[in-house]
Amino acid sequence: MGSRARTALAHPDNDVLLSIASCWELAVKLSLRKLRLARSLDQFIPEQLRLNGFSLLDIQLNHVVRVADLPFRHRDPFDRLLAAQALEDDLTMVSADRIFRKYGVAVIW
């Protein structure tokens, strides 16, 4: 992660959000054995939220509806939902994935 992203995440005026979509994706990867954690997901996520000062971003109906309007530039349903959330809520994403810029999402890395 770049210094610009680290600075933004650490800045006290910024609310840092973790989407439920990302938590869902972690759960899928765990079930497929593509990811391993030292503790259960129901312990890991709250612990990391607390340690890092992050809050959860719920999935709302307007986020899901926005997915239907997105151009089909990405096949990953989780990433499409993250893009929709960022666009609907005017959020900046921290990501190395350049695909989000193609949706018009503000991205730092």
C-alpha atoms as a PDB file:
ATOM      1  CA  MET A   1       0.000   0.000   0.000  1.00  0.00           C
ATOM      2  CA  GLY A   2       1.278   3.435  -0.893  1.00  0.00           C
ATOM      3  CA  SER A   3       2.034   6.225   1.551  1.00  0.00           C
ATOM      4  CA  ARG A   4      -0.908   8.296   0.272  1.00  0.00           C
ATOM      5  CA  ALA A   5      -3.338   5.504   1.144  1.00  0.00           C
ATOM      6  CA  ARG A   6      -1.712   4.895   4.537  1.00  0.00           C
ATOM      7  CA  THR A   7      -1.926   8.607   5.334  1.00  0.00           C
ATOM      8  CA  ALA A   8      -5.606   8.748   4.337  1.00  0.00           C
ATOM      9  CA  LEU A   9      -6.438   5.688   6.449  1.00  0.00           C
ATOM     10  CA  ALA A  10      -4.652   7.116   9.478  1.00  0.00           C
ATOM     11  CA  HIS A  11      -6.053  10.656   9.227  1.00  0.00           C
ATOM     12  CA  PRO A  12      -8.406  11.258  12.191  1.00  0.00           C
ATOM     13  CA  ASP A  13     -10.904  13.250  10.083  1.00  0.00           C
ATOM     14  CA  ASN A  14     -11.513  10.294   7.740  1.00  0.00           C
ATOM     15  CA  ASP A  15     -14.131   7.657   8.454  1.00  0.00           C
ATOM     16  CA  VAL A  16     -12.695   4.359   7.290  1.00  0.00           C
ATOM     17  CA  LEU A  17     -15.294   1.812   6.245  1.00  0.00           C
ATOM     18  CA  LEU A  18     -15.146  -1.902   5.583  1.00  0.00           C
ATOM     19  CA  SER A  19     -17.978  -3.050   3.352  1.00  0.00           C
ATOM     20  CA  ILE A  20     -20.073  -6.014   4.361  1.00  0.00           C
ATOM     21  CA  ALA A  21     -19.457  -7.084   0.745  1.00  0.00           C
ATOM     22  CA  SER A  22     -15.760  -7.504   1.596  1.00  0.00           C
ATOM     23  CA  CYS A  23     -16.656  -9.516   4.693  1.00  0.00           C
ATOM     24  CA  TRP A  24     -18.901 -11.703   2.545  1.00  0.00           C
ATOM     25  CA  GLU A  25     -16.080 -12.208   0.056  1.00  0.00           C
ATOM     26  CA  LEU A  26     -13.760 -13.250   2.902  1.00  0.00           C
ATOM     27  CA  ALA A  27     -16.358 -15.803   4.009  1.00  0.00           C
ATOM     28  CA  VAL A  28     -16.588 -17.232   0.489  1.00  0.00           C
ATOM     29  CA  LYS A  29     -12.798 -17.474   0.186  1.00  0.00           C
ATOM     30  CA  LEU A  30     -12.606 -19.206   3.565  1.00  0.00           C
ATOM     31  CA  SER A  31     -15.253 -21.740   2.558  1.00  0.00           C
ATOM     32  CA  LEU A  32     -13.380 -22.441  -0.695  1.00  0.00           C
ATOM     33  CA  ARG A  33     -10.147 -22.843   1.278  1.00  0.00           C
ATOM     34  CA  LYS A  34      -8.518 -19.996  -0.707  1.00  0.00           C
ATOM     35  CA  LEU A  35      -7.903 -18.134   2.546  1.00  0.00           C
ATOM     36  CA  ARG A  36      -6.869 -19.175   6.029  1.00  0.00           C
ATOM     37  CA  LEU A  37      -7.174 -17.160   9.220  1.00  0.00           C
ATOM     38  CA  ALA A  38      -5.737 -17.830  12.656  1.00  0.00           C
ATOM     39  CA  ARG A  39      -9.182 -17.309  14.213  1.00  0.00           C
ATOM     40  CA  SER A  40     -12.796 -17.598  13.131  1.00  0.00           C
ATOM     41  CA  LEU A  41     -14.262 -14.906  10.904  1.00  0.00           C
ATOM     42  CA  ASP A  42     -16.755 -13.854  13.594  1.00  0.00           C
ATOM     43  CA  GLN A  43     -13.773 -13.085  15.836  1.00  0.00           C
ATOM     44  CA  PHE A  44     -11.374 -11.787  13.189  1.00  0.00           C
ATOM     45  CA  ILE A  45     -13.560  -9.071  11.652  1.00  0.00           C
ATOM     46  CA  PRO A  46     -14.691  -7.363  14.905  1.00  0.00           C
ATOM     47  CA  GLU A  47     -11.131  -7.559  16.223  1.00  0.00           C
ATOM     48  CA  GLN A  48      -9.712  -5.913  13.098  1.00  0.00           C
ATOM     49  CA  LEU A  49     -12.436  -3.257  13.066  1.00  0.00           C
ATOM     50  CA  ARG A  50     -11.595  -2.386  16.675  1.00  0.00           C
ATOM     51  CA  LEU A  51      -7.802  -2.477  16.237  1.00  0.00           C
ATOM     52  CA  ASN A  52      -7.878  -0.336  13.091  1.00  0.00           C
ATOM     53  CA  GLY A  53     -10.714   2.007  14.006  1.00  0.00           C
ATOM     54  CA  PHE A  54     -12.799   0.952  10.989  1.00  0.00           C
ATOM     55  CA  SER A  55     -16.605   0.855  10.784  1.00  0.00           C
ATOM     56  CA  LEU A  56     -18.819  -1.474   8.785  1.00  0.00           C
ATOM     57  CA  LEU A  57     -20.582  -0.262   5.641  1.00  0.00           C
ATOM     58  CA  ASP A  58     -23.897  -2.061   5.266  1.00  0.00           C
ATOM     59  CA  ILE A  59     -25.305  -3.090   1.903  1.00  0.00           C
ATOM     60  CA  GLN A  60     -28.367  -0.994   1.139  1.00  0.00           C
ATOM     61  CA  LEU A  61     -30.996  -1.344  -1.576  1.00  0.00           C
ATOM     62  CA  ASN A  62     -29.642   1.706  -3.434  1.00  0.00           C
ATOM     63  CA  HIS A  63     -26.234  -0.028  -3.632  1.00  0.00           C
ATOM     64  CA  VAL A  64     -27.775  -3.151  -5.157  1.00  0.00           C
ATOM     65  CA  VAL A  65     -29.895  -1.136  -7.596  1.00  0.00           C
ATOM     66  CA  ARG A  66     -26.789   0.822  -8.691  1.00  0.00           C
ATOM     67  CA  VAL A  67     -25.065  -2.457  -9.650  1.00  0.00           C
ATOM     68  CA  ALA A  68     -27.742  -2.954 -12.335  1.00  0.00           C
ATOM     69  CA  ASP A  69     -26.802   0.405 -13.877  1.00  0.00           C
ATOM     70  CA  LEU A  70     -23.051  -0.205 -13.958  1.00  0.00           C
ATOM     71  CA  PRO A  71     -21.392  -0.996 -17.269  1.00  0.00           C
ATOM     72  CA  PHE A  72     -20.212  -4.601 -17.298  1.00  0.00           C
ATOM     73  CA  ARG A  73     -16.483  -3.921 -16.948  1.00  0.00           C
ATOM     74  CA  HIS A  74     -15.852  -6.410 -14.196  1.00  0.00           C
ATOM     75  CA  ARG A  75     -17.081  -9.969 -13.696  1.00  0.00           C
ATOM     76  CA  ASP A  76     -16.488 -10.083  -9.940  1.00  0.00           C
ATOM     77  CA  PRO A  77     -19.847  -9.446  -8.228  1.00  0.00           C
ATOM     78  CA  PHE A  78     -18.170  -8.293  -5.011  1.00  0.00           C
ATOM     79  CA  ASP A  79     -16.102  -5.677  -6.813  1.00  0.00           C
ATOM     80  CA  ARG A  80     -19.149  -4.487  -8.738  1.00  0.00           C
ATOM     81  CA  LEU A  81     -21.001  -4.033  -5.438  1.00  0.00           C
ATOM     82  CA  LEU A  82     -18.030  -2.185  -3.915  1.00  0.00           C
ATOM     83  CA  ALA A  83     -17.964   0.149  -6.919  1.00  0.00           C
ATOM     84  CA  ALA A  84     -21.710   0.766  -6.571  1.00  0.00           C
ATOM     85  CA  GLN A  85     -21.334   1.547  -2.866  1.00  0.00           C
ATOM     86  CA  ALA A  86     -18.513   3.991  -3.546  1.00  0.00           C
ATOM     87  CA  LEU A  87     -20.495   5.745  -6.271  1.00  0.00           C
ATOM     88  CA  GLU A  88     -23.767   5.868  -4.335  1.00  0.00           C
ATOM     89  CA  ASP A  89     -22.186   7.113  -1.101  1.00  0.00           C
ATOM     90  CA  ASP A  90     -19.495   9.310  -2.723  1.00  0.00           C
ATOM     91  CA  LEU A  91     -16.675   7.316  -1.135  1.00  0.00           C
ATOM     92  CA  THR A  92     -13.016   7.012  -2.042  1.00  0.00           C
ATOM     93  CA  MET A  93     -11.736   3.459  -2.263  1.00  0.00           C
ATOM     94  CA  VAL A  94      -8.349   2.204  -1.156  1.00  0.00           C
ATOM     95  CA  SER A  95      -7.426  -0.381  -3.757  1.00  0.00           C
ATOM     96  CA  ALA A  96      -4.657  -1.421  -6.113  1.00  0.00           C
ATOM     97  CA  ASP A  97      -7.279  -2.676  -8.584  1.00  0.00           C
ATOM     98  CA  ARG A  98      -7.436  -0.192 -11.470  1.00  0.00           C
ATOM     99  CA  ILE A  99     -10.822  -1.487 -12.606  1.00  0.00           C
ATOM    100  CA  PHE A 100     -12.602   0.764 -10.108  1.00  0.00           C
ATOM    101  CA  ARG A 101     -11.401   3.870 -11.938  1.00  0.00           C
ATOM    102  CA  LYS A 102     -13.184   2.610 -15.060  1.00  0.00           C
ATOM    103  CA  TYR A 103     -16.433   2.967 -13.105  1.00  0.00           C
ATOM    104  CA  GLY A 104     -15.578   6.541 -12.122  1.00  0.00           C
ATOM    105  CA  VAL A 105     -14.759   5.652  -8.528  1.00  0.00           C
ATOM    106  CA  ALA A 106     -12.191   7.781  -6.717  1.00  0.00           C
ATOM    107  CA  VAL A 107      -9.307   5.485  -5.774  1.00  0.00           C
ATOM    108  CA  ILE A 108      -6.118   5.905  -3.806  1.00  0.00           C
ATOM    109  CA  TRP A 109      -3.295   3.431  -3.343  1.00  0.00           C
END
